[in-house]
N, C-alpha and C. Protein backbone atom coordinates (compact mmCIF):
# COMPACT_ATOMS: atom_id res chain seq x y z
N MET A 1 189.45 58.25 38.09
CA MET A 1 189.54 56.84 37.77
C MET A 1 190.65 56.59 36.76
N THR A 2 191.06 57.64 36.03
CA THR A 2 192.08 57.46 35.02
C THR A 2 193.45 57.27 35.64
N SER A 3 194.21 56.31 35.12
CA SER A 3 195.53 56.01 35.65
C SER A 3 196.55 56.96 35.05
N ALA A 4 197.74 56.98 35.64
CA ALA A 4 198.83 57.76 35.09
C ALA A 4 199.28 57.15 33.77
N THR A 5 200.04 57.94 33.00
CA THR A 5 200.50 57.44 31.72
C THR A 5 201.26 56.14 31.90
N ARG A 6 200.91 55.18 31.09
CA ARG A 6 201.45 53.84 31.23
C ARG A 6 202.76 53.71 30.46
N THR A 7 203.73 53.02 31.05
CA THR A 7 204.97 52.75 30.34
C THR A 7 204.72 51.74 29.23
N ARG A 8 205.19 52.03 28.06
CA ARG A 8 204.94 51.16 26.91
C ARG A 8 205.60 49.80 27.11
N ASN A 9 204.86 48.75 26.74
CA ASN A 9 205.42 47.40 26.85
C ASN A 9 206.61 47.24 25.93
N LYS A 10 207.57 46.48 26.37
CA LYS A 10 208.70 46.16 25.51
C LYS A 10 208.27 45.21 24.40
N ARG A 11 209.09 45.12 23.37
CA ARG A 11 208.79 44.22 22.27
C ARG A 11 208.60 42.79 22.81
N GLY A 12 207.54 42.14 22.33
CA GLY A 12 207.27 40.78 22.76
C GLY A 12 206.37 40.70 23.99
N GLN A 13 205.97 41.88 24.52
CA GLN A 13 205.12 41.88 25.71
C GLN A 13 203.67 42.24 25.38
N GLY A 14 203.29 42.06 24.12
CA GLY A 14 201.92 42.37 23.72
C GLY A 14 200.90 41.52 24.46
N THR A 15 201.28 40.29 24.78
CA THR A 15 200.38 39.42 25.52
C THR A 15 200.04 40.00 26.88
N LEU A 16 201.02 40.66 27.50
CA LEU A 16 200.79 41.28 28.81
C LEU A 16 199.77 42.39 28.69
N LEU A 17 199.86 43.19 27.62
CA LEU A 17 198.90 44.26 27.43
C LEU A 17 197.50 43.68 27.19
N ARG A 18 197.41 42.62 26.41
CA ARG A 18 196.11 42.00 26.16
C ARG A 18 195.47 41.54 27.46
N GLU A 19 196.27 40.91 28.32
CA GLU A 19 195.74 40.45 29.61
C GLU A 19 195.32 41.62 30.47
N GLU A 20 196.09 42.71 30.42
CA GLU A 20 195.75 43.89 31.20
C GLU A 20 194.45 44.52 30.69
N LEU A 21 194.28 44.51 29.38
CA LEU A 21 193.05 45.04 28.80
C LEU A 21 191.84 44.24 29.28
N LEU A 22 191.97 42.91 29.28
CA LEU A 22 190.86 42.07 29.70
C LEU A 22 190.56 42.24 31.19
N GLU A 23 191.60 42.29 32.00
CA GLU A 23 191.41 42.44 33.44
C GLU A 23 190.78 43.79 33.76
N THR A 24 191.25 44.84 33.08
CA THR A 24 190.72 46.18 33.35
C THR A 24 189.29 46.31 32.84
N ALA A 25 189.02 45.75 31.66
CA ALA A 25 187.66 45.79 31.13
C ALA A 25 186.70 45.07 32.07
N SER A 26 187.14 43.93 32.60
CA SER A 26 186.30 43.18 33.52
C SER A 26 186.02 43.99 34.79
N ARG A 27 187.05 44.65 35.31
CA ARG A 27 186.87 45.47 36.50
C ARG A 27 185.94 46.64 36.24
N LEU A 28 186.11 47.30 35.10
CA LEU A 28 185.27 48.44 34.78
C LEU A 28 183.81 48.04 34.63
N LEU A 29 183.58 46.85 34.11
CA LEU A 29 182.20 46.38 33.97
C LEU A 29 181.54 46.24 35.34
N VAL A 30 182.29 45.80 36.33
CA VAL A 30 181.76 45.71 37.69
C VAL A 30 181.46 47.11 38.22
N GLU A 31 182.39 48.05 38.01
CA GLU A 31 182.22 49.40 38.53
C GLU A 31 181.10 50.15 37.81
N LEU A 32 181.01 49.98 36.50
CA LEU A 32 180.01 50.70 35.72
C LEU A 32 178.64 50.05 35.82
N GLY A 33 178.63 48.72 35.92
CA GLY A 33 177.37 48.00 36.07
C GLY A 33 176.55 47.89 34.80
N ASP A 34 177.08 48.36 33.68
CA ASP A 34 176.33 48.34 32.42
C ASP A 34 177.33 48.23 31.27
N VAL A 35 177.15 47.22 30.44
CA VAL A 35 178.08 46.99 29.34
C VAL A 35 178.08 48.15 28.36
N GLU A 36 176.95 48.87 28.26
CA GLU A 36 176.87 49.99 27.31
C GLU A 36 177.76 51.15 27.73
N LEU A 37 178.09 51.23 28.99
CA LEU A 37 178.91 52.35 29.48
C LEU A 37 180.41 52.13 29.28
N LEU A 38 180.77 50.91 28.94
CA LEU A 38 182.18 50.62 28.69
C LEU A 38 182.54 51.03 27.26
N THR A 39 183.60 51.84 27.12
CA THR A 39 184.06 52.26 25.80
C THR A 39 185.54 51.95 25.66
N LEU A 40 186.00 51.80 24.43
CA LEU A 40 187.41 51.53 24.21
C LEU A 40 188.25 52.74 24.62
N ARG A 41 187.74 53.94 24.37
CA ARG A 41 188.48 55.14 24.79
C ARG A 41 188.60 55.20 26.31
N GLY A 42 187.52 54.88 26.99
CA GLY A 42 187.56 54.88 28.44
C GLY A 42 188.50 53.83 28.98
N LEU A 43 188.52 52.67 28.33
CA LEU A 43 189.43 51.59 28.73
C LEU A 43 190.87 52.02 28.53
N ALA A 44 191.15 52.65 27.37
CA ALA A 44 192.51 53.11 27.09
C ALA A 44 192.95 54.15 28.12
N ALA A 45 192.05 55.07 28.46
CA ALA A 45 192.39 56.11 29.43
C ALA A 45 192.64 55.50 30.81
N GLU A 46 191.88 54.49 31.16
CA GLU A 46 192.04 53.86 32.47
C GLU A 46 193.41 53.21 32.60
N ILE A 47 193.89 52.60 31.53
CA ILE A 47 195.19 51.93 31.56
C ILE A 47 196.33 52.92 31.35
N GLY A 48 196.03 53.99 30.61
CA GLY A 48 197.07 54.97 30.34
C GLY A 48 197.76 54.73 29.02
N ILE A 49 196.99 54.30 28.01
CA ILE A 49 197.53 54.07 26.67
C ILE A 49 196.66 54.80 25.66
N SER A 50 197.11 54.85 24.44
CA SER A 50 196.31 55.46 23.39
C SER A 50 195.30 54.43 22.86
N ALA A 51 194.17 54.90 22.39
CA ALA A 51 193.14 54.01 21.87
C ALA A 51 193.66 53.09 20.76
N PRO A 52 194.50 53.60 19.81
CA PRO A 52 195.00 52.71 18.76
C PRO A 52 195.77 51.50 19.29
N SER A 53 196.32 51.61 20.49
CA SER A 53 197.04 50.47 21.06
C SER A 53 196.10 49.30 21.33
N ILE A 54 194.85 49.62 21.60
CA ILE A 54 193.86 48.56 21.83
C ILE A 54 193.56 47.83 20.54
N TYR A 55 193.53 48.57 19.43
CA TYR A 55 193.11 47.98 18.17
C TYR A 55 194.05 46.88 17.68
N ARG A 56 195.28 46.88 18.18
CA ARG A 56 196.21 45.81 17.80
C ARG A 56 195.76 44.47 18.38
N HIS A 57 194.97 44.53 19.45
CA HIS A 57 194.50 43.31 20.11
C HIS A 57 193.01 43.07 19.89
N PHE A 58 192.24 44.16 19.87
CA PHE A 58 190.79 44.06 19.69
C PHE A 58 190.36 45.15 18.72
N PRO A 59 189.96 44.78 17.51
CA PRO A 59 189.62 45.78 16.50
C PRO A 59 188.38 46.61 16.83
N ASP A 60 187.53 46.10 17.73
CA ASP A 60 186.32 46.84 18.09
C ASP A 60 185.82 46.34 19.44
N LYS A 61 184.80 46.99 19.93
CA LYS A 61 184.25 46.64 21.25
C LYS A 61 183.67 45.23 21.28
N PRO A 62 182.91 44.80 20.26
CA PRO A 62 182.38 43.44 20.30
C PRO A 62 183.46 42.37 20.44
N SER A 63 184.60 42.54 19.77
CA SER A 63 185.67 41.54 19.88
C SER A 63 186.26 41.53 21.28
N LEU A 64 186.32 42.70 21.91
CA LEU A 64 186.79 42.77 23.30
C LEU A 64 185.80 42.05 24.22
N LEU A 65 184.52 42.27 24.03
CA LEU A 65 183.51 41.65 24.89
C LEU A 65 183.49 40.13 24.72
N VAL A 66 183.72 39.66 23.50
CA VAL A 66 183.79 38.21 23.29
C VAL A 66 184.94 37.62 24.09
N ALA A 67 186.08 38.31 24.09
CA ALA A 67 187.24 37.83 24.85
C ALA A 67 186.95 37.86 26.35
N VAL A 68 186.28 38.92 26.80
CA VAL A 68 185.90 39.00 28.22
C VAL A 68 184.94 37.86 28.55
N ALA A 69 184.03 37.57 27.62
CA ALA A 69 183.07 36.48 27.85
C ALA A 69 183.76 35.14 28.01
N GLU A 70 184.81 34.90 27.23
CA GLU A 70 185.56 33.65 27.36
C GLU A 70 186.11 33.50 28.77
N VAL A 71 186.70 34.58 29.28
CA VAL A 71 187.27 34.54 30.63
C VAL A 71 186.17 34.39 31.67
N GLU A 72 185.09 35.14 31.50
CA GLU A 72 184.02 35.12 32.49
C GLU A 72 183.28 33.78 32.50
N PHE A 73 183.12 33.15 31.33
CA PHE A 73 182.47 31.84 31.30
C PHE A 73 183.29 30.82 32.10
N ALA A 74 184.60 30.92 31.99
CA ALA A 74 185.46 30.01 32.75
C ALA A 74 185.28 30.25 34.25
N GLU A 75 185.19 31.52 34.64
CA GLU A 75 184.97 31.85 36.04
C GLU A 75 183.58 31.40 36.48
N PHE A 76 182.60 31.61 35.63
CA PHE A 76 181.23 31.19 35.92
C PHE A 76 181.17 29.68 36.15
N ASP A 77 181.84 28.93 35.29
CA ASP A 77 181.86 27.47 35.45
C ASP A 77 182.53 27.08 36.76
N ALA A 78 183.62 27.76 37.09
CA ALA A 78 184.32 27.46 38.34
C ALA A 78 183.41 27.71 39.54
N VAL A 79 182.59 28.75 39.47
CA VAL A 79 181.65 29.06 40.55
C VAL A 79 180.62 27.95 40.69
N LEU A 80 180.09 27.47 39.56
CA LEU A 80 179.10 26.39 39.59
C LEU A 80 179.70 25.11 40.15
N VAL A 81 180.90 24.78 39.69
CA VAL A 81 181.55 23.55 40.15
C VAL A 81 181.82 23.62 41.65
N ALA A 82 182.34 24.74 42.12
CA ALA A 82 182.65 24.89 43.54
C ALA A 82 181.39 24.77 44.39
N ALA A 83 180.32 25.41 43.95
CA ALA A 83 179.07 25.36 44.70
C ALA A 83 178.49 23.95 44.73
N SER A 84 178.50 23.28 43.59
CA SER A 84 177.93 21.93 43.54
C SER A 84 178.75 20.96 44.37
N THR A 85 180.06 21.13 44.38
CA THR A 85 180.91 20.25 45.18
C THR A 85 180.61 20.42 46.66
N ALA A 86 180.32 21.66 47.05
CA ALA A 86 180.00 21.93 48.45
C ALA A 86 178.59 21.48 48.81
N GLY A 87 177.83 21.05 47.81
CA GLY A 87 176.45 20.65 48.05
C GLY A 87 176.27 19.29 48.67
N GLY A 88 177.39 18.55 48.85
CA GLY A 88 177.30 17.24 49.50
C GLY A 88 177.14 16.11 48.50
N ASP A 89 176.65 14.97 48.99
CA ASP A 89 176.56 13.77 48.16
C ASP A 89 175.23 13.64 47.42
N ASP A 90 174.20 14.32 47.90
CA ASP A 90 172.90 14.24 47.24
C ASP A 90 172.95 15.00 45.91
N PRO A 91 172.76 14.33 44.78
CA PRO A 91 172.87 15.03 43.49
C PRO A 91 171.85 16.16 43.33
N PHE A 92 170.67 16.01 43.94
CA PHE A 92 169.67 17.08 43.86
C PHE A 92 170.12 18.31 44.64
N GLU A 93 170.76 18.09 45.77
CA GLU A 93 171.28 19.21 46.55
C GLU A 93 172.46 19.86 45.84
N ARG A 94 173.23 19.06 45.14
CA ARG A 94 174.34 19.62 44.36
C ARG A 94 173.80 20.52 43.24
N LEU A 95 172.73 20.06 42.60
CA LEU A 95 172.10 20.85 41.55
C LEU A 95 171.50 22.12 42.14
N ARG A 96 170.87 21.99 43.32
CA ARG A 96 170.30 23.16 43.98
C ARG A 96 171.38 24.19 44.30
N ALA A 97 172.51 23.73 44.83
CA ALA A 97 173.61 24.63 45.18
C ALA A 97 174.14 25.35 43.94
N ALA A 98 174.26 24.63 42.85
CA ALA A 98 174.72 25.25 41.60
C ALA A 98 173.73 26.29 41.11
N GLY A 99 172.43 25.99 41.25
CA GLY A 99 171.41 26.95 40.84
C GLY A 99 171.46 28.23 41.64
N ARG A 100 171.66 28.09 42.94
CA ARG A 100 171.76 29.28 43.78
C ARG A 100 173.02 30.07 43.44
N ALA A 101 174.09 29.38 43.11
CA ALA A 101 175.32 30.07 42.72
C ALA A 101 175.11 30.82 41.41
N TYR A 102 174.34 30.24 40.50
CA TYR A 102 173.99 30.91 39.24
C TYR A 102 173.30 32.24 39.53
N LEU A 103 172.29 32.20 40.39
CA LEU A 103 171.54 33.41 40.71
C LEU A 103 172.41 34.44 41.41
N GLN A 104 173.30 33.97 42.29
CA GLN A 104 174.17 34.89 43.01
C GLN A 104 175.18 35.54 42.08
N PHE A 105 175.72 34.77 41.14
CA PHE A 105 176.65 35.31 40.16
C PHE A 105 175.98 36.44 39.39
N ALA A 106 174.76 36.20 38.96
CA ALA A 106 174.03 37.21 38.19
C ALA A 106 173.77 38.46 39.03
N ALA A 107 173.48 38.27 40.31
CA ALA A 107 173.20 39.42 41.19
C ALA A 107 174.47 40.21 41.49
N ASP A 108 175.58 39.51 41.64
CA ASP A 108 176.84 40.16 41.99
C ASP A 108 177.52 40.80 40.79
N ARG A 109 177.30 40.24 39.61
CA ARG A 109 178.02 40.70 38.42
C ARG A 109 177.06 40.86 37.24
N PRO A 110 176.10 41.77 37.36
CA PRO A 110 175.07 41.89 36.32
C PRO A 110 175.61 42.23 34.94
N ALA A 111 176.63 43.09 34.87
CA ALA A 111 177.17 43.46 33.56
C ALA A 111 177.85 42.26 32.91
N HIS A 112 178.59 41.49 33.69
CA HIS A 112 179.22 40.30 33.15
C HIS A 112 178.17 39.28 32.71
N TYR A 113 177.14 39.12 33.53
CA TYR A 113 176.09 38.16 33.19
C TYR A 113 175.45 38.52 31.86
N ARG A 114 175.22 39.79 31.62
CA ARG A 114 174.55 40.20 30.39
C ARG A 114 175.45 40.00 29.17
N ILE A 115 176.76 40.04 29.39
CA ILE A 115 177.67 39.72 28.30
C ILE A 115 177.57 38.23 27.98
N LEU A 116 177.58 37.40 29.03
CA LEU A 116 177.57 35.96 28.83
C LEU A 116 176.30 35.48 28.16
N PHE A 117 175.16 36.00 28.60
CA PHE A 117 173.89 35.46 28.14
C PHE A 117 173.05 36.44 27.35
N GLY A 118 173.64 37.56 26.96
CA GLY A 118 172.91 38.53 26.17
C GLY A 118 173.17 38.41 24.68
N GLY A 119 173.94 37.41 24.28
CA GLY A 119 174.18 37.19 22.86
C GLY A 119 175.62 37.31 22.45
N VAL A 120 176.41 38.12 23.17
CA VAL A 120 177.81 38.34 22.77
C VAL A 120 178.62 37.06 22.92
N GLY A 121 178.45 36.35 24.01
CA GLY A 121 179.27 35.18 24.26
C GLY A 121 178.71 33.89 23.73
N LEU A 122 177.50 33.93 23.13
CA LEU A 122 176.85 32.66 22.78
C LEU A 122 177.05 32.21 21.33
N PRO A 123 176.60 32.94 20.32
CA PRO A 123 176.68 32.41 18.96
C PRO A 123 178.13 32.22 18.53
N CYS A 124 178.40 31.12 17.87
CA CYS A 124 179.77 30.87 17.44
C CYS A 124 179.82 30.32 16.02
N GLY A 125 178.73 29.86 15.48
CA GLY A 125 178.73 29.30 14.14
C GLY A 125 177.40 28.64 13.83
N ARG A 126 177.31 28.07 12.66
CA ARG A 126 176.05 27.47 12.23
C ARG A 126 175.92 26.00 12.60
N GLU A 127 177.03 25.36 12.91
CA GLU A 127 176.98 23.94 13.24
C GLU A 127 176.42 23.75 14.65
N PRO A 128 175.67 22.66 14.88
CA PRO A 128 175.10 22.42 16.22
C PRO A 128 176.15 22.40 17.31
N SER A 129 177.35 21.93 16.98
CA SER A 129 178.40 21.84 18.01
C SER A 129 178.93 23.22 18.38
N ASP A 130 178.56 24.23 17.62
CA ASP A 130 179.07 25.58 17.87
C ASP A 130 178.03 26.47 18.55
N PHE A 131 177.03 25.86 19.24
CA PHE A 131 175.98 26.67 19.82
C PHE A 131 176.49 27.56 20.94
N LEU A 132 177.62 27.22 21.52
CA LEU A 132 178.26 28.07 22.52
C LEU A 132 179.75 28.13 22.23
N ARG A 133 180.38 29.17 22.65
CA ARG A 133 181.83 29.20 22.58
C ARG A 133 182.38 28.15 23.51
N GLU A 134 183.65 27.81 23.35
CA GLU A 134 184.22 26.68 24.08
C GLU A 134 184.01 26.79 25.58
N SER A 135 184.28 27.94 26.16
CA SER A 135 184.11 28.10 27.60
C SER A 135 182.64 27.99 27.99
N GLY A 136 181.74 28.46 27.12
CA GLY A 136 180.32 28.33 27.40
C GLY A 136 179.86 26.88 27.34
N ARG A 137 180.42 26.12 26.40
CA ARG A 137 180.09 24.69 26.31
C ARG A 137 180.53 23.97 27.57
N THR A 138 181.68 24.36 28.12
CA THR A 138 182.17 23.72 29.35
C THR A 138 181.20 23.98 30.50
N ALA A 139 180.74 25.21 30.64
CA ALA A 139 179.81 25.55 31.72
C ALA A 139 178.49 24.80 31.53
N PHE A 140 178.01 24.75 30.30
CA PHE A 140 176.76 24.03 30.06
C PHE A 140 176.95 22.54 30.31
N GLY A 141 178.12 22.03 29.98
CA GLY A 141 178.42 20.62 30.24
C GLY A 141 178.39 20.31 31.72
N THR A 142 178.82 21.26 32.55
CA THR A 142 178.74 21.09 33.99
C THR A 142 177.29 20.91 34.43
N LEU A 143 176.41 21.73 33.88
CA LEU A 143 174.99 21.63 34.20
C LEU A 143 174.41 20.29 33.74
N VAL A 144 174.75 19.88 32.53
CA VAL A 144 174.25 18.59 32.02
C VAL A 144 174.71 17.45 32.93
N GLY A 145 175.96 17.51 33.39
CA GLY A 145 176.47 16.48 34.27
C GLY A 145 175.73 16.42 35.60
N LEU A 146 175.40 17.58 36.14
CA LEU A 146 174.65 17.63 37.40
C LEU A 146 173.25 17.05 37.21
N VAL A 147 172.63 17.35 36.08
CA VAL A 147 171.31 16.81 35.79
C VAL A 147 171.38 15.30 35.63
N GLN A 148 172.39 14.82 34.90
CA GLN A 148 172.52 13.39 34.67
C GLN A 148 172.68 12.63 35.98
N ALA A 149 173.41 13.20 36.93
CA ALA A 149 173.59 12.56 38.23
C ALA A 149 172.24 12.40 38.94
N CYS A 150 171.36 13.39 38.77
CA CYS A 150 170.02 13.28 39.35
C CYS A 150 169.22 12.19 38.65
N LEU A 151 169.29 12.15 37.34
CA LEU A 151 168.55 11.15 36.58
C LEU A 151 169.01 9.74 36.93
N ASP A 152 170.29 9.60 37.23
CA ASP A 152 170.84 8.28 37.54
C ASP A 152 170.34 7.71 38.86
N THR A 153 169.64 8.53 39.66
CA THR A 153 169.13 8.03 40.94
C THR A 153 167.82 7.28 40.77
N SER A 154 167.27 7.28 39.56
CA SER A 154 165.97 6.64 39.34
C SER A 154 165.97 5.83 38.05
N PRO A 155 165.34 4.64 38.04
CA PRO A 155 165.23 3.88 36.79
C PRO A 155 164.52 4.67 35.71
N ASP A 156 163.58 5.53 36.11
CA ASP A 156 162.86 6.35 35.13
C ASP A 156 163.77 7.38 34.47
N GLY A 157 164.90 7.66 35.11
CA GLY A 157 165.81 8.66 34.55
C GLY A 157 166.43 8.24 33.24
N ALA A 158 166.45 6.94 32.97
CA ALA A 158 167.05 6.45 31.73
C ALA A 158 166.27 6.90 30.50
N THR A 159 165.02 7.27 30.69
CA THR A 159 164.18 7.68 29.56
C THR A 159 164.17 9.19 29.36
N VAL A 160 164.93 9.90 30.20
CA VAL A 160 164.92 11.37 30.16
C VAL A 160 166.24 11.87 29.58
N ASP A 161 166.14 12.87 28.71
CA ASP A 161 167.32 13.46 28.07
C ASP A 161 167.90 14.55 28.97
N ALA A 162 169.11 14.31 29.50
CA ALA A 162 169.75 15.28 30.40
C ALA A 162 169.96 16.62 29.71
N PHE A 163 170.28 16.59 28.43
CA PHE A 163 170.50 17.83 27.69
C PHE A 163 169.22 18.67 27.67
N ALA A 164 168.08 18.03 27.42
CA ALA A 164 166.81 18.76 27.36
C ALA A 164 166.46 19.35 28.72
N VAL A 165 166.69 18.58 29.80
CA VAL A 165 166.39 19.08 31.14
C VAL A 165 167.31 20.24 31.49
N ALA A 166 168.59 20.12 31.14
CA ALA A 166 169.55 21.19 31.41
C ALA A 166 169.15 22.47 30.67
N THR A 167 168.66 22.30 29.44
CA THR A 167 168.21 23.46 28.68
C THR A 167 167.01 24.12 29.34
N GLU A 168 166.10 23.29 29.87
CA GLU A 168 164.94 23.83 30.59
C GLU A 168 165.38 24.58 31.84
N ILE A 169 166.34 24.04 32.55
CA ILE A 169 166.85 24.71 33.75
C ILE A 169 167.48 26.04 33.38
N TRP A 170 168.30 26.03 32.33
CA TRP A 170 168.96 27.25 31.89
C TRP A 170 167.92 28.32 31.53
N ALA A 171 166.89 27.91 30.77
CA ALA A 171 165.85 28.86 30.37
C ALA A 171 165.13 29.41 31.60
N THR A 172 164.87 28.55 32.57
CA THR A 172 164.20 28.98 33.79
C THR A 172 165.06 29.96 34.58
N MET A 173 166.32 29.60 34.79
CA MET A 173 167.21 30.46 35.57
C MET A 173 167.44 31.79 34.87
N HIS A 174 167.62 31.73 33.56
CA HIS A 174 167.84 32.97 32.82
C HIS A 174 166.61 33.87 32.89
N GLY A 175 165.43 33.26 32.83
CA GLY A 175 164.21 34.05 32.95
C GLY A 175 164.10 34.72 34.30
N LEU A 176 164.48 34.00 35.35
CA LEU A 176 164.43 34.57 36.70
C LEU A 176 165.38 35.75 36.84
N VAL A 177 166.49 35.70 36.11
CA VAL A 177 167.49 36.78 36.18
C VAL A 177 167.15 37.92 35.24
N ASP A 178 166.83 37.59 33.99
CA ASP A 178 166.77 38.61 32.94
C ASP A 178 165.43 39.34 32.85
N LEU A 179 164.32 38.63 33.06
CA LEU A 179 163.02 39.28 32.92
C LEU A 179 162.85 40.48 33.85
N PRO A 180 163.30 40.42 35.11
CA PRO A 180 163.16 41.59 35.98
C PRO A 180 163.93 42.82 35.50
N PHE A 181 164.99 42.60 34.69
CA PHE A 181 165.71 43.76 34.15
C PHE A 181 164.79 44.63 33.31
N GLY A 182 164.00 43.99 32.47
CA GLY A 182 163.13 44.74 31.57
C GLY A 182 161.77 45.06 32.16
N ASN A 183 161.40 44.38 33.26
CA ASN A 183 160.09 44.59 33.87
C ASN A 183 160.25 44.71 35.39
N PRO A 184 160.94 45.74 35.85
CA PRO A 184 161.27 45.83 37.28
C PRO A 184 160.07 46.05 38.20
N THR A 185 158.94 46.55 37.67
CA THR A 185 157.80 46.83 38.53
C THR A 185 156.87 45.63 38.68
N PHE A 186 157.10 44.58 37.92
CA PHE A 186 156.25 43.39 38.05
C PHE A 186 156.54 42.71 39.39
N PRO A 187 155.52 42.17 40.06
CA PRO A 187 155.74 41.53 41.37
C PRO A 187 156.35 40.13 41.24
N TRP A 188 157.62 40.09 40.88
CA TRP A 188 158.28 38.81 40.66
C TRP A 188 158.41 38.03 41.97
N PRO A 189 158.21 36.71 41.92
CA PRO A 189 158.43 35.90 43.13
C PRO A 189 159.92 35.80 43.42
N ASP A 190 160.25 35.38 44.63
CA ASP A 190 161.64 35.23 45.01
C ASP A 190 162.31 34.21 44.08
N PRO A 191 163.41 34.57 43.41
CA PRO A 191 164.02 33.65 42.44
C PRO A 191 164.54 32.36 43.07
N VAL A 192 165.10 32.45 44.27
CA VAL A 192 165.61 31.24 44.93
C VAL A 192 164.47 30.29 45.25
N ALA A 193 163.36 30.82 45.78
CA ALA A 193 162.21 29.98 46.11
C ALA A 193 161.62 29.36 44.84
N THR A 194 161.59 30.13 43.76
CA THR A 194 161.07 29.61 42.49
C THR A 194 161.94 28.48 41.96
N ALA A 195 163.25 28.67 42.02
CA ALA A 195 164.17 27.64 41.56
C ALA A 195 164.07 26.38 42.42
N ASP A 196 163.94 26.58 43.74
CA ASP A 196 163.80 25.44 44.65
C ASP A 196 162.51 24.67 44.37
N ALA A 197 161.45 25.39 44.06
CA ALA A 197 160.18 24.74 43.76
C ALA A 197 160.29 23.90 42.48
N TRP A 198 161.00 24.43 41.48
CA TRP A 198 161.20 23.67 40.25
C TRP A 198 161.98 22.39 40.56
N LEU A 199 163.01 22.50 41.38
CA LEU A 199 163.83 21.34 41.70
C LEU A 199 163.01 20.30 42.46
N ALA A 200 162.14 20.75 43.35
CA ALA A 200 161.29 19.82 44.09
C ALA A 200 160.39 19.04 43.14
N ARG A 201 159.86 19.70 42.13
CA ARG A 201 159.02 19.02 41.14
C ARG A 201 159.85 18.04 40.31
N PHE A 202 161.07 18.43 40.00
CA PHE A 202 161.95 17.55 39.23
C PHE A 202 162.27 16.29 40.03
N ARG A 203 162.58 16.47 41.31
CA ARG A 203 162.86 15.32 42.17
C ARG A 203 161.63 14.41 42.27
N ALA A 204 160.47 15.02 42.47
CA ALA A 204 159.23 14.25 42.62
C ALA A 204 158.89 13.48 41.35
N SER A 205 159.26 14.04 40.19
CA SER A 205 158.96 13.35 38.94
C SER A 205 159.77 12.07 38.80
N LEU A 206 160.94 12.04 39.43
CA LEU A 206 161.79 10.85 39.36
C LEU A 206 161.54 9.90 40.53
N HIS A 207 161.08 10.47 41.66
CA HIS A 207 160.86 9.67 42.87
C HIS A 207 159.50 10.03 43.47
N PRO A 208 158.43 9.71 42.78
CA PRO A 208 157.10 10.07 43.30
C PRO A 208 156.85 9.43 44.67
N GLY A 209 156.44 10.24 45.62
CA GLY A 209 156.11 9.75 46.95
C GLY A 209 157.28 9.58 47.88
N ALA A 210 158.50 9.72 47.38
CA ALA A 210 159.69 9.54 48.23
C ALA A 210 160.04 10.84 48.95
N THR A 211 160.68 10.72 50.09
CA THR A 211 161.17 11.90 50.81
C THR A 211 162.54 12.27 50.29
N ALA A 212 163.01 13.45 50.64
CA ALA A 212 164.34 13.89 50.22
C ALA A 212 165.41 12.94 50.74
N ASP A 213 165.23 12.44 52.00
CA ASP A 213 166.22 11.54 52.57
C ASP A 213 166.31 10.24 51.80
N GLN A 214 165.17 9.77 51.29
CA GLN A 214 165.14 8.51 50.57
C GLN A 214 165.80 8.61 49.21
N THR A 215 165.88 9.81 48.66
CA THR A 215 166.49 9.97 47.34
C THR A 215 167.92 10.48 47.43
N ALA A 216 168.41 10.76 48.62
CA ALA A 216 169.77 11.28 48.77
C ALA A 216 170.79 10.24 48.32
N GLY A 217 171.93 10.77 47.81
CA GLY A 217 173.01 9.88 47.35
C GLY A 217 172.74 9.42 45.99
């Protein structure tokens, strides 16, 4: 897996090395499947540089993972947006599509997911506005927007806080993804079916007695 000795970047090309470090770290996380298995020495060997060369850009592993989280959160948000857009005009179906994309992202990229939601990419400061790093706030804002579109389909939605509902969805989805990691022998229900059931209850709370067709759009 180790690459040949890498040609040293010319003066002023440090940004290129930083990007290569992030891209390679991201790839290795997919291959290794576990953030604990990624090391700075292993990353340096993969690229073909000395470990001290990494320290000019990332003084330690946590700082590298934070930078990877920034990139991955942007990708995660793009996945949610693309899925919701493909969900059609019904805001509930758009939310459903985004939820399924969330679960699929976690299944396809478990090491990246654990970086994003395992604590490395989340805390940023003590102020309420710093509860997520900038890229994380963007992704969460996408979820809040999808929820608000659902609330806007009902007069009762005006009394509901989209932020609170989005937080509940996030907690639910994260539980469906993360709890099986630590408790693999528990008979967990199908995560997609569980998420769909939650969405059905959410729709019914805003449109009691209505069919899906009646609430579309």
